[in-house]
């Protein structure tokens, strides 16, 4: 059976997380400890990160269908 591979691959990193904000705050205060309680993979997006993710979703949705499908 022949495999069908997409002609384009989009690689997207997550938007800003609450951990990113905590890290920046710690560094701004001269500290090294980042004040987050959850494992890194469980830290939610910040409000800005949610906006970034929504903007990316709108951008992908605006692409022609053949580009979204990877044809």
PDB file of N, CA and C in Angstrom:
ATOM      1  N   UNK A   1       0.852  -1.172   0.000  1.00  0.00           N
ATOM      2  CA  UNK A   1       0.000   0.000   0.000  1.00  0.00           C
ATOM      3  C   UNK A   1       0.901   1.240   0.000  1.00  0.00           C
ATOM      4  N   UNK A   2       0.696   2.126  -0.930  1.00  0.00           N
ATOM      5  CA  UNK A   2       1.515   3.339  -1.039  1.00  0.00           C
ATOM      6  C   UNK A   2       1.160   4.314   0.074  1.00  0.00           C
ATOM      7  N   UNK A   3       2.176   4.953   0.618  1.00  0.00           N
ATOM      8  CA  UNK A   3       1.961   5.959   1.649  1.00  0.00           C
ATOM      9  C   UNK A   3       1.814   7.327   0.995  1.00  0.00           C
ATOM     10  N   UNK A   4       0.987   8.152   1.572  1.00  0.00           N
ATOM     11  CA  UNK A   4       0.785   9.511   1.085  1.00  0.00           C
ATOM     12  C   UNK A   4       1.300  10.473   2.152  1.00  0.00           C
ATOM     13  N   UNK A   5       2.323  11.207   1.821  1.00  0.00           N
ATOM     14  CA  UNK A   5       2.916  12.155   2.760  1.00  0.00           C
ATOM     15  C   UNK A   5       2.520  13.565   2.382  1.00  0.00           C
ATOM     16  N   UNK A   6       2.298  14.416   3.359  1.00  0.00           N
ATOM     17  CA  UNK A   6       1.963  15.812   3.035  1.00  0.00           C
ATOM     18  C   UNK A   6       3.154  16.507   2.371  1.00  0.00           C
ATOM     19  N   UNK A   7       2.857  17.489   1.561  1.00  0.00           N
ATOM     20  CA  UNK A   7       3.920  18.238   0.888  1.00  0.00           C
ATOM     21  C   UNK A   7       4.490  19.334   1.787  1.00  0.00           C
ATOM     22  N   UNK A   8       3.803  19.640   2.876  1.00  0.00           N
ATOM     23  CA  UNK A   8       4.247  20.700   3.777  1.00  0.00           C
ATOM     24  C   UNK A   8       3.986  20.265   5.212  1.00  0.00           C
ATOM     25  N   UNK A   9       4.913  20.585   6.088  1.00  0.00           N
ATOM     26  CA  UNK A   9       4.779  20.271   7.504  1.00  0.00           C
ATOM     27  C   UNK A   9       4.931  21.564   8.293  1.00  0.00           C
ATOM     28  N   UNK A  10       3.941  21.883   9.084  1.00  0.00           N
ATOM     29  CA  UNK A  10       3.993  23.080   9.925  1.00  0.00           C
ATOM     30  C   UNK A  10       4.469  22.663  11.305  1.00  0.00           C
ATOM     31  N   UNK A  11       5.494  23.311  11.803  1.00  0.00           N
ATOM     32  CA  UNK A  11       5.991  23.055  13.156  1.00  0.00           C
ATOM     33  C   UNK A  11       5.708  24.309  13.973  1.00  0.00           C
ATOM     34  N   UNK A  12       4.945  24.118  15.036  1.00  0.00           N
ATOM     35  CA  UNK A  12       4.507  25.249  15.842  1.00  0.00           C
ATOM     36  C   UNK A  12       4.837  24.975  17.297  1.00  0.00           C
ATOM     37  N   UNK A  13       5.464  25.912  17.939  1.00  0.00           N
ATOM     38  CA  UNK A  13       5.731  25.809  19.373  1.00  0.00           C
ATOM     39  C   UNK A  13       4.543  26.413  20.108  1.00  0.00           C
ATOM     40  N   UNK A  14       4.339  25.991  21.318  1.00  0.00           N
ATOM     41  CA  UNK A  14       3.214  26.519  22.097  1.00  0.00           C
ATOM     42  C   UNK A  14       3.338  28.023  22.307  1.00  0.00           C
ATOM     43  N   UNK A  15       2.227  28.632  22.624  1.00  0.00           N
ATOM     44  CA  UNK A  15       2.224  30.048  22.963  1.00  0.00           C
ATOM     45  C   UNK A  15       2.812  30.254  24.350  1.00  0.00           C
ATOM     46  N   UNK A  16       2.834  31.500  24.765  1.00  0.00           N
ATOM     47  CA  UNK A  16       3.385  31.834  26.078  1.00  0.00           C
ATOM     48  C   UNK A  16       2.615  31.092  27.168  1.00  0.00           C
ATOM     49  N   UNK A  17       3.345  30.486  28.102  1.00  0.00           N
ATOM     50  CA  UNK A  17       2.703  29.774  29.212  1.00  0.00           C
ATOM     51  C   UNK A  17       2.850  30.569  30.505  1.00  0.00           C
ATOM     52  N   UNK A  18       2.077  30.153  31.498  1.00  0.00           N
ATOM     53  CA  UNK A  18       2.212  30.771  32.821  1.00  0.00           C
ATOM     54  C   UNK A  18       3.627  30.545  33.352  1.00  0.00           C
ATOM     55  N   UNK A  19       4.256  29.448  32.959  1.00  0.00           N
ATOM     56  CA  UNK A  19       5.644  29.183  33.349  1.00  0.00           C
ATOM     57  C   UNK A  19       6.607  30.172  32.732  1.00  0.00           C
ATOM     58  N   UNK A  20       6.356  30.556  31.476  1.00  0.00           N
ATOM     59  CA  UNK A  20       7.193  31.578  30.844  1.00  0.00           C
ATOM     60  C   UNK A  20       7.095  32.896  31.608  1.00  0.00           C
ATOM     61  N   UNK A  21       5.890  33.251  32.011  1.00  0.00           N
ATOM     62  CA  UNK A  21       5.669  34.486  32.759  1.00  0.00           C
ATOM     63  C   UNK A  21       6.372  34.410  34.114  1.00  0.00           C
ATOM     64  N   UNK A  22       6.232  33.275  34.809  1.00  0.00           N
ATOM     65  CA  UNK A  22       6.876  33.097  36.119  1.00  0.00           C
ATOM     66  C   UNK A  22       8.399  33.153  35.988  1.00  0.00           C
ATOM     67  N   UNK A  23       8.948  32.543  34.929  1.00  0.00           N
ATOM     68  CA  UNK A  23      10.389  32.579  34.693  1.00  0.00           C
ATOM     69  C   UNK A  23      10.866  34.011  34.473  1.00  0.00           C
ATOM     70  N   UNK A  24      10.156  34.749  33.630  1.00  0.00           N
ATOM     71  CA  UNK A  24      10.545  36.135  33.354  1.00  0.00           C
ATOM     72  C   UNK A  24      10.472  36.993  34.607  1.00  0.00           C
ATOM     73  N   UNK A  25       9.457  36.753  35.437  1.00  0.00           N
ATOM     74  CA  UNK A  25       9.327  37.498  36.692  1.00  0.00           C
ATOM     75  C   UNK A  25      10.477  37.168  37.632  1.00  0.00           C
ATOM     76  N   UNK A  26      10.810  35.891  37.759  1.00  0.00           N
ATOM     77  CA  UNK A  26      11.920  35.482  38.624  1.00  0.00           C
ATOM     78  C   UNK A  26      13.227  36.103  38.150  1.00  0.00           C
ATOM     79  N   UNK A  27      13.484  36.067  36.861  1.00  0.00           N
ATOM     80  CA  UNK A  27      14.727  36.648  36.329  1.00  0.00           C
ATOM     81  C   UNK A  27      14.762  38.154  36.523  1.00  0.00           C
ATOM     82  N   UNK A  28      13.621  38.824  36.355  1.00  0.00           N
ATOM     83  CA  UNK A  28      13.559  40.277  36.551  1.00  0.00           C
ATOM     84  C   UNK A  28      13.859  40.668  37.988  1.00  0.00           C
ATOM     85  N   UNK A  29      13.508  39.777  38.926  1.00  0.00           N
ATOM     86  CA  UNK A  29      13.754  40.042  40.348  1.00  0.00           C
ATOM     87  C   UNK A  29      15.115  39.525  40.801  1.00  0.00           C
ATOM     88  N   UNK A  30      15.881  38.968  39.846  1.00  0.00           N
ATOM     89  CA  UNK A  30      17.209  38.459  40.178  1.00  0.00           C
ATOM     90  C   UNK A  30      17.206  37.081  40.798  1.00  0.00           C
ATOM     91  N   UNK A  31      16.093  36.393  40.721  1.00  0.00           N
ATOM     92  CA  UNK A  31      15.995  35.061  41.314  1.00  0.00           C
ATOM     93  C   UNK A  31      16.170  33.956  40.292  1.00  0.00           C
ATOM     94  N   UNK A  32      16.323  32.747  40.809  1.00  0.00           N
ATOM     95  CA  UNK A  32      16.455  31.586  39.938  1.00  0.00           C
ATOM     96  C   UNK A  32      15.280  30.620  40.083  1.00  0.00           C
ATOM     97  N   UNK A  33      14.536  30.738  41.182  1.00  0.00           N
ATOM     98  CA  UNK A  33      13.402  29.843  41.412  1.00  0.00           C
ATOM     99  C   UNK A  33      12.182  30.357  40.669  1.00  0.00           C
ATOM    100  N   UNK A  34      11.556  29.472  39.909  1.00  0.00           N
ATOM    101  CA  UNK A  34      10.368  29.818  39.155  1.00  0.00           C
ATOM    102  C   UNK A  34       9.157  29.339  39.946  1.00  0.00           C
ATOM    103  N   UNK A  35       8.261  30.249  40.242  1.00  0.00           N
ATOM    104  CA  UNK A  35       7.109  29.965  41.107  1.00  0.00           C
ATOM    105  C   UNK A  35       5.972  29.323  40.328  1.00  0.00           C
ATOM    106  N   UNK A  36       6.119  28.026  40.041  1.00  0.00           N
ATOM    107  CA  UNK A  36       5.021  27.261  39.439  1.00  0.00           C
ATOM    108  C   UNK A  36       4.885  25.965  40.222  1.00  0.00           C
ATOM    109  N   UNK A  37       3.658  25.528  40.385  1.00  0.00           N
ATOM    110  CA  UNK A  37       3.386  24.332  41.177  1.00  0.00           C
ATOM    111  C   UNK A  37       3.284  23.070  40.329  1.00  0.00           C
ATOM    112  N   UNK A  38       2.909  23.217  39.071  1.00  0.00           N
ATOM    113  CA  UNK A  38       2.647  22.061  38.204  1.00  0.00           C
ATOM    114  C   UNK A  38       3.904  21.629  37.458  1.00  0.00           C
ATOM    115  N   UNK A  39       3.850  20.387  36.952  1.00  0.00           N
ATOM    116  CA  UNK A  39       4.917  19.934  36.066  1.00  0.00           C
ATOM    117  C   UNK A  39       4.903  20.842  34.841  1.00  0.00           C
ATOM    118  N   UNK A  40       6.054  21.004  34.210  1.00  0.00           N
ATOM    119  CA  UNK A  40       6.162  21.908  33.076  1.00  0.00           C
ATOM    120  C   UNK A  40       5.114  21.615  32.010  1.00  0.00           C
ATOM    121  N   UNK A  41       4.897  20.332  31.706  1.00  0.00           N
ATOM    122  CA  UNK A  41       3.936  19.984  30.657  1.00  0.00           C
ATOM    123  C   UNK A  41       2.490  20.263  31.063  1.00  0.00           C
ATOM    124  N   UNK A  42       2.237  20.478  32.353  1.00  0.00           N
ATOM    125  CA  UNK A  42       0.885  20.731  32.839  1.00  0.00           C
ATOM    126  C   UNK A  42       0.595  22.211  33.076  1.00  0.00           C
ATOM    127  N   UNK A  43       1.574  23.072  32.848  1.00  0.00           N
ATOM    128  CA  UNK A  43       1.383  24.504  33.081  1.00  0.00           C
ATOM    129  C   UNK A  43       0.500  25.059  31.958  1.00  0.00           C
ATOM    130  N   UNK A  44      -0.557  25.764  32.314  1.00  0.00           N
ATOM    131  CA  UNK A  44      -1.462  26.291  31.281  1.00  0.00           C
ATOM    132  C   UNK A  44      -0.844  27.478  30.536  1.00  0.00           C
ATOM    133  N   UNK A  45      -1.453  27.804  29.425  1.00  0.00           N
ATOM    134  CA  UNK A  45      -1.045  28.997  28.705  1.00  0.00           C
ATOM    135  C   UNK A  45      -1.446  30.231  29.498  1.00  0.00           C
ATOM    136  N   UNK A  46      -0.676  31.281  29.330  1.00  0.00           N
ATOM    137  CA  UNK A  46      -1.045  32.572  29.911  1.00  0.00           C
ATOM    138  C   UNK A  46      -2.165  33.171  29.060  1.00  0.00           C
ATOM    139  N   UNK A  47      -2.693  34.293  29.481  1.00  0.00           N
ATOM    140  CA  UNK A  47      -3.725  34.964  28.677  1.00  0.00           C
ATOM    141  C   UNK A  47      -3.162  35.307  27.296  1.00  0.00           C
ATOM    142  N   UNK A  48      -1.921  35.781  27.248  1.00  0.00           N
ATOM    143  CA  UNK A  48      -1.296  36.079  25.958  1.00  0.00           C
ATOM    144  C   UNK A  48      -1.124  34.800  25.144  1.00  0.00           C
ATOM    145  N   UNK A  49      -0.721  33.717  25.781  1.00  0.00           N
ATOM    146  CA  UNK A  49      -0.569  32.444  25.088  1.00  0.00           C
ATOM    147  C   UNK A  49      -1.873  31.955  24.488  1.00  0.00           C
ATOM    148  N   UNK A  50      -2.978  32.151  25.199  1.00  0.00           N
ATOM    149  CA  UNK A  50      -4.284  31.771  24.660  1.00  0.00           C
ATOM    150  C   UNK A  50      -4.625  32.618  23.439  1.00  0.00           C
ATOM    151  N   UNK A  51      -4.289  33.917  23.496  1.00  0.00           N
ATOM    152  CA  UNK A  51      -4.509  34.787  22.342  1.00  0.00           C
ATOM    153  C   UNK A  51      -3.644  34.345  21.164  1.00  0.00           C
ATOM    154  N   UNK A  52      -2.393  33.968  21.448  1.00  0.00           N
ATOM    155  CA  UNK A  52      -1.491  33.504  20.387  1.00  0.00           C
ATOM    156  C   UNK A  52      -2.024  32.227  19.742  1.00  0.00           C
ATOM    157  N   UNK A  53      -2.496  31.293  20.566  1.00  0.00           N
ATOM    158  CA  UNK A  53      -3.031  30.036  20.043  1.00  0.00           C
ATOM    159  C   UNK A  53      -4.279  30.286  19.195  1.00  0.00           C
ATOM    160  N   UNK A  54      -5.150  31.174  19.650  1.00  0.00           N
ATOM    161  CA  UNK A  54      -6.359  31.492  18.885  1.00  0.00           C
ATOM    162  C   UNK A  54      -5.999  32.151  17.553  1.00  0.00           C
ATOM    163  N   UNK A  55      -5.010  33.048  17.579  1.00  0.00           N
ATOM    164  CA  UNK A  55      -4.578  33.711  16.343  1.00  0.00           C
ATOM    165  C   UNK A  55      -4.010  32.696  15.361  1.00  0.00           C
ATOM    166  N   UNK A  56      -3.234  31.742  15.855  1.00  0.00           N
ATOM    167  CA  UNK A  56      -2.687  30.709  14.979  1.00  0.00           C
ATOM    168  C   UNK A  56      -3.812  29.859  14.382  1.00  0.00           C
ATOM    169  N   UNK A  57      -4.799  29.512  15.196  1.00  0.00           N
ATOM    170  CA  UNK A  57      -5.939  28.748  14.701  1.00  0.00           C
ATOM    171  C   UNK A  57      -6.683  29.504  13.609  1.00  0.00           C
ATOM    172  N   UNK A  58      -6.876  30.811  13.811  1.00  0.00           N
ATOM    173  CA  UNK A  58      -7.540  31.616  12.779  1.00  0.00           C
ATOM    174  C   UNK A  58      -6.694  31.656  11.511  1.00  0.00           C
ATOM    175  N   UNK A  59      -5.373  31.762  11.667  1.00  0.00           N
ATOM    176  CA  UNK A  59      -4.487  31.802  10.506  1.00  0.00           C
ATOM    177  C   UNK A  59      -4.565  30.490   9.732  1.00  0.00           C
ATOM    178  N   UNK A  60      -4.472  29.359  10.446  1.00  0.00           N
ATOM    179  CA  UNK A  60      -4.577  28.067   9.764  1.00  0.00           C
ATOM    180  C   UNK A  60      -5.933  27.939   9.068  1.00  0.00           C
ATOM    181  N   UNK A  61      -6.992  28.363   9.738  1.00  0.00           N
ATOM    182  CA  UNK A  61      -8.336  28.258   9.162  1.00  0.00           C
ATOM    183  C   UNK A  61      -8.479  29.121   7.917  1.00  0.00           C
ATOM    184  N   UNK A  62      -7.690  30.191   7.818  1.00  0.00           N
ATOM    185  CA  UNK A  62      -7.795  31.083   6.665  1.00  0.00           C
ATOM    186  C   UNK A  62      -7.053  30.556   5.438  1.00  0.00           C
ATOM    187  N   UNK A  63      -6.231  29.526   5.609  1.00  0.00           N
ATOM    188  CA  UNK A  63      -5.494  28.961   4.483  1.00  0.00           C
ATOM    189  C   UNK A  63      -6.451  28.247   3.533  1.00  0.00           C
ATOM    190  N   UNK A  64      -6.105  28.215   2.257  1.00  0.00           N
ATOM    191  CA  UNK A  64      -6.926  27.417   1.337  1.00  0.00           C
ATOM    192  C   UNK A  64      -6.967  25.956   1.805  1.00  0.00           C
ATOM    193  N   UNK A  65      -8.061  25.290   1.545  1.00  0.00           N
ATOM    194  CA  UNK A  65      -8.228  23.928   2.063  1.00  0.00           C
ATOM    195  C   UNK A  65      -7.116  22.994   1.618  1.00  0.00           C
ATOM    196  N   UNK A  66      -6.599  23.155   0.394  1.00  0.00           N
ATOM    197  CA  UNK A  66      -5.525  22.277  -0.063  1.00  0.00           C
ATOM    198  C   UNK A  66      -4.239  22.483   0.737  1.00  0.00           C
ATOM    199  N   UNK A  67      -4.014  23.683   1.262  1.00  0.00           N
ATOM    200  CA  UNK A  67      -2.836  23.909   2.106  1.00  0.00           C
ATOM    201  C   UNK A  67      -3.044  23.339   3.504  1.00  0.00           C
ATOM    202  N   UNK A  68      -4.264  23.422   4.029  1.00  0.00           N
ATOM    203  CA  UNK A  68      -4.542  22.865   5.352  1.00  0.00           C
ATOM    204  C   UNK A  68      -4.434  21.352   5.318  1.00  0.00           C
ATOM    205  N   UNK A  69      -4.790  20.744   4.207  1.00  0.00           N
ATOM    206  CA  UNK A  69      -4.761  19.286   4.090  1.00  0.00           C
ATOM    207  C   UNK A  69      -3.372  18.777   3.753  1.00  0.00           C
ATOM    208  N   UNK A  70      -2.442  19.667   3.427  1.00  0.00           N
ATOM    209  CA  UNK A  70      -1.090  19.240   3.115  1.00  0.00           C
ATOM    210  C   UNK A  70      -0.935  18.639   1.722  1.00  0.00           C
ATOM    211  N   UNK A  71      -1.842  18.965   0.853  1.00  0.00           N
ATOM    212  CA  UNK A  71      -1.773  18.425  -0.525  1.00  0.00           C
ATOM    213  C   UNK A  71      -0.673  19.091  -1.310  1.00  0.00           C
TER     214      UNK A  71
END
